[in-house]
C-alpha atoms as a PDB file:
ATOM      1  CA  THR A   1      -2.255-109.969-122.033  1.00  0.00           C
ATOM      2  CA  VAL A   2      -3.029-106.657-123.580  1.00  0.00           C
ATOM      3  CA  ARG A   3      -4.199-108.040-126.582  1.00  0.00           C
ATOM      4  CA  LEU A   4      -6.633-110.209-124.636  1.00  0.00           C
ATOM      5  CA  LEU A   5      -7.649-107.787-122.133  1.00  0.00           C
ATOM      6  CA  SER A   6      -8.231-105.071-124.726  1.00  0.00           C
ATOM      7  CA  GLN A   7     -10.785-107.164-126.667  1.00  0.00           C
ATOM      8  CA  SER A   8     -13.122-107.449-123.675  1.00  0.00           C
ATOM      9  CA  LEU A   9     -12.178-104.083-122.304  1.00  0.00           C
ATOM     10  CA  PRO A  10     -12.117-101.719-125.292  1.00  0.00           C
ATOM     11  CA  ASN A  11     -12.436 -98.510-123.474  1.00  0.00           C
ATOM     12  CA  TYR A  12      -9.597 -99.170-120.969  1.00  0.00           C
ATOM     13  CA  ARG A  13      -6.074 -97.433-121.181  1.00  0.00           C
ATOM     14  CA  PHE A  14      -3.290 -99.939-120.721  1.00  0.00           C
ATOM     15  CA  ILE A  15      -0.276 -97.908-119.259  1.00  0.00           C
ATOM     16  CA  PHE A  16       3.313 -99.587-119.049  1.00  0.00           C
ATOM     17  CA  LEU A  17       5.344 -98.348-116.205  1.00  0.00           C
ATOM     18  CA  SER A  18       8.932 -97.819-116.449  1.00  0.00           C
ATOM     19  CA  ALA A  19      11.821 -95.989-114.687  1.00  0.00           C
ATOM     20  CA  PRO A  20      13.433 -93.312-117.071  1.00  0.00           C
ATOM     21  CA  SER A  21      16.522 -95.727-117.556  1.00  0.00           C
ATOM     22  CA  GLU A  22      14.133 -98.679-118.677  1.00  0.00           C
ATOM     23  CA  ALA A  23      12.352 -96.643-121.358  1.00  0.00           C
ATOM     24  CA  GLY A  24      14.697 -97.778-124.079  1.00  0.00           C
ATOM     25  CA  ARG A  25      13.708-101.407-123.494  1.00  0.00           C
ATOM     26  CA  ILE A  26       9.916-100.909-122.816  1.00  0.00           C
ATOM     27  CA  GLY A  27       9.198 -98.218-125.367  1.00  0.00           C
ATOM     28  CA  PRO A  28       9.668-100.523-128.561  1.00  0.00           C
ATOM     29  CA  VAL A  29       7.152-103.096-126.922  1.00  0.00           C
ATOM     30  CA  VAL A  30       4.750-100.368-126.428  1.00  0.00           C
ATOM     31  CA  GLU A  31       5.033 -99.081-129.952  1.00  0.00           C
ATOM     32  CA  GLN A  32       4.663-102.426-131.318  1.00  0.00           C
ATOM     33  CA  LEU A  33       1.375-102.967-129.373  1.00  0.00           C
ATOM     34  CA  LYS A  34      -0.099 -99.797-130.603  1.00  0.00           C
ATOM     35  CA  ARG A  35       0.532-100.838-134.210  1.00  0.00           C
ATOM     36  CA  GLN A  36      -0.650-104.430-133.794  1.00  0.00           C
ATOM     37  CA  THR A  37      -3.770-103.885-131.595  1.00  0.00           C
ATOM     38  CA  LYS A  38      -6.685-101.273-131.254  1.00  0.00           C
ATOM     39  CA  ALA A  39      -5.953-101.055-127.647  1.00  0.00           C
ATOM     40  CA  ASP A  40      -5.161 -97.634-126.024  1.00  0.00           C
ATOM     41  CA  VAL A  41      -1.557 -98.193-124.910  1.00  0.00           C
ATOM     42  CA  CYS A  42       1.003 -95.749-123.659  1.00  0.00           C
ATOM     43  CA  LEU A  43       4.317 -95.700-121.786  1.00  0.00           C
ATOM     44  CA  ALA A  44       4.745 -93.706-118.412  1.00  0.00           C
ATOM     45  CA  ASN A  45       8.486 -93.139-117.586  1.00  0.00           C
ATOM     46  CA  VAL A  46       7.850 -92.224-113.896  1.00  0.00           C
ATOM     47  CA  SER A  47       9.662 -91.185-110.718  1.00  0.00           C
ATOM     48  CA  LEU A  48       8.717 -92.792-107.375  1.00  0.00           C
ATOM     49  CA  GLY A  49       6.275 -90.065-106.578  1.00  0.00           C
ATOM     50  CA  GLY A  50       4.808 -90.135-110.153  1.00  0.00           C
ATOM     51  CA  LEU A  51       4.224 -93.735-109.750  1.00  0.00           C
ATOM     52  CA  VAL A  52       2.238 -93.283-106.473  1.00  0.00           C
ATOM     53  CA  SER A  53       0.135 -90.769-108.170  1.00  0.00           C
ATOM     54  CA  LEU A  54      -0.407 -93.005-111.067  1.00  0.00           C
ATOM     55  CA  LEU A  55      -1.238 -95.886-109.113  1.00  0.00           C
ATOM     56  CA  LYS A  56      -3.917 -93.850-107.135  1.00  0.00           C
ATOM     57  CA  LYS A  57      -5.808 -93.386-110.292  1.00  0.00           C
ATOM     58  CA  SER A  58      -5.565 -96.889-111.651  1.00  0.00           C
ATOM     59  CA  ARG A  59      -7.904 -99.774-111.265  1.00  0.00           C
ATOM     60  CA  LEU A  60      -5.518-102.738-111.536  1.00  0.00           C
ATOM     61  CA  LEU A  61      -1.899-103.383-111.536  1.00  0.00           C
ATOM     62  CA  ILE A  62      -0.669-106.088-113.371  1.00  0.00           C
ATOM     63  CA  THR A  63       2.941-106.772-112.168  1.00  0.00           C
ATOM     64  CA  GLY A  64       5.827-109.297-111.220  1.00  0.00           C
ATOM     65  CA  ASP A  65       7.853-106.393-109.574  1.00  0.00           C
ATOM     66  CA  THR A  66       7.686-106.729-105.911  1.00  0.00           C
ATOM     67  CA  GLY A  67       8.422-103.238-104.940  1.00  0.00           C
ATOM     68  CA  VAL A  68       5.685-101.859-107.077  1.00  0.00           C
ATOM     69  CA  LYS A  69       2.952-104.442-106.042  1.00  0.00           C
ATOM     70  CA  HIS A  70       3.287-103.544-102.391  1.00  0.00           C
ATOM     71  CA  MET A  71       2.939 -99.750-103.006  1.00  0.00           C
ATOM     72  CA  ALA A  72      -0.254-100.529-105.165  1.00  0.00           C
ATOM     73  CA  ALA A  73      -1.640-102.815-102.259  1.00  0.00           C
ATOM     74  CA  ALA A  74      -0.643 -99.891 -99.781  1.00  0.00           C
ATOM     75  CA  ILE A  75      -2.640 -97.355-101.903  1.00  0.00           C
ATOM     76  CA  GLY A  76      -5.518 -99.686-102.372  1.00  0.00           C
ATOM     77  CA  CYS A  77      -5.069-100.387-106.060  1.00  0.00           C
ATOM     78  CA  GLN A  78      -5.895-103.988-106.856  1.00  0.00           C
ATOM     79  CA  VAL A  79      -3.192-106.180-107.960  1.00  0.00           C
ATOM     80  CA  LEU A  80      -2.743-108.999-110.283  1.00  0.00           C
ATOM     81  CA  GLU A  81       0.454-110.457-109.328  1.00  0.00           C
ATOM     82  CA  LEU A  82       2.530-112.774-111.538  1.00  0.00           C
ATOM     83  CA  SER A  83       4.606-114.710-108.854  1.00  0.00           C
ATOM     84  CA  ILE A  84       7.134-116.436-110.918  1.00  0.00           C
ATOM     85  CA  GLY A  85      10.841-117.368-110.290  1.00  0.00           C
ATOM     86  CA  SER A  86      12.292-116.244-106.985  1.00  0.00           C
ATOM     87  CA  SER A  87       8.747-114.693-105.896  1.00  0.00           C
ATOM     88  CA  SER A  88       7.108-116.497-103.170  1.00  0.00           C
ATOM     89  CA  LEU A  89       3.263-115.933-102.429  1.00  0.00           C
ATOM     90  CA  THR A  90       3.377-116.863 -98.960  1.00  0.00           C
ATOM     91  CA  ARG A  91       6.427-114.458 -98.183  1.00  0.00           C
ATOM     92  CA  THR A  92       6.149-111.596-100.420  1.00  0.00           C
ATOM     93  CA  GLY A  93       2.705-111.750-101.751  1.00  0.00           C
ATOM     94  CA  ALA A  94       0.560-108.632-102.051  1.00  0.00           C
ATOM     95  CA  LEU A  95      -2.153-109.597 -99.792  1.00  0.00           C
ATOM     96  CA  LEU A  96      -5.142-107.271-100.671  1.00  0.00           C
ATOM     97  CA  GLU A  97      -8.787-108.034-100.685  1.00  0.00           C
ATOM     98  CA  GLY A  98      -9.903-108.261-104.482  1.00  0.00           C
ATOM     99  CA  SER A  99      -6.389-108.961-105.586  1.00  0.00           C
ATOM    100  CA  LEU A 100      -5.115-112.163-107.132  1.00  0.00           C
ATOM    101  CA  ILE A 101      -1.849-114.011-107.185  1.00  0.00           C
ATOM    102  CA  LEU A 102      -0.758-116.264-110.060  1.00  0.00           C
ATOM    103  CA  GLN A 103       2.062-118.495-108.747  1.00  0.00           C
ATOM    104  CA  SER A 104       4.126-120.850-111.017  1.00  0.00           C
ATOM    105  CA  ASN A 105       3.526-124.558-110.593  1.00  0.00           C
ATOM    106  CA  GLU A 106       7.392-125.554-111.214  1.00  0.00           C
ATOM    107  CA  ALA A 107       8.871-127.836-108.309  1.00  0.00           C
ATOM    108  CA  CYS A 108      11.855-125.603-108.195  1.00  0.00           C
ATOM    109  CA  ALA A 109       9.904-122.413-107.380  1.00  0.00           C
ATOM    110  CA  PRO A 110      10.261-120.255-105.643  1.00  0.00           C
ATOM    111  CA  CYS A 111      14.146-119.946-106.617  1.00  0.00           C
ATOM    112  CA  ARG A 112      16.966-117.835-105.476  1.00  0.00           C
ATOM    113  CA  HIS A 113      16.987-115.200-107.892  1.00  0.00           C
ATOM    114  CA  SER A 114      20.606-114.448-107.500  1.00  0.00           C
ATOM    115  CA  GLU A 115      21.723-117.535-108.880  1.00  0.00           C
ATOM    116  CA  LYS A 116      21.621-118.820-112.359  1.00  0.00           C
ATOM    117  CA  CYS A 117      18.580-121.182-113.161  1.00  0.00           C
ATOM    118  CA  HIS A 118      19.635-124.850-113.181  1.00  0.00           C
ATOM    119  CA  ARG A 119      17.187-125.492-116.238  1.00  0.00           C
ATOM    120  CA  SER A 120      17.726-124.756-119.821  1.00  0.00           C
ATOM    121  CA  SER A 121      15.193-122.106-119.680  1.00  0.00           C
ATOM    122  CA  HIS A 122      13.022-120.477-116.907  1.00  0.00           C
ATOM    123  CA  LEU A 123      10.050-122.738-117.163  1.00  0.00           C
ATOM    124  CA  CYS A 124       8.060-121.027-114.477  1.00  0.00           C
ATOM    125  CA  ALA A 125       7.993-117.941-116.970  1.00  0.00           C
ATOM    126  CA  ASP A 126       7.725-119.844-120.173  1.00  0.00           C
ATOM    127  CA  GLY A 127       4.413-120.142-121.928  1.00  0.00           C
END
């Protein structure tokens, strides 16, 4: 997504959000994007207060995380919501004018996130 967006929006900064406990998993992805693209990419390890401050300054949040999307919508930051797996756009969608929800078209979605997927892979998130 960053590779594609950075081609049409070369002057934008792409900030990957993470809790401090997630930095070890997300940091390498961000570093790889920095090496492979010309995009302005960085990682922000933020607390809840830092997240709110950053969202107030942001133009768009792209997320599949339900908590973060609702904070962004409450603040007025537009959201591109990736509604896959257990996410249900009619029950938990971030309904804010100008925001967009992309939902999986799989017959089994939304599923119960607390249970193992009955398929060999999560088709709703693949591809």
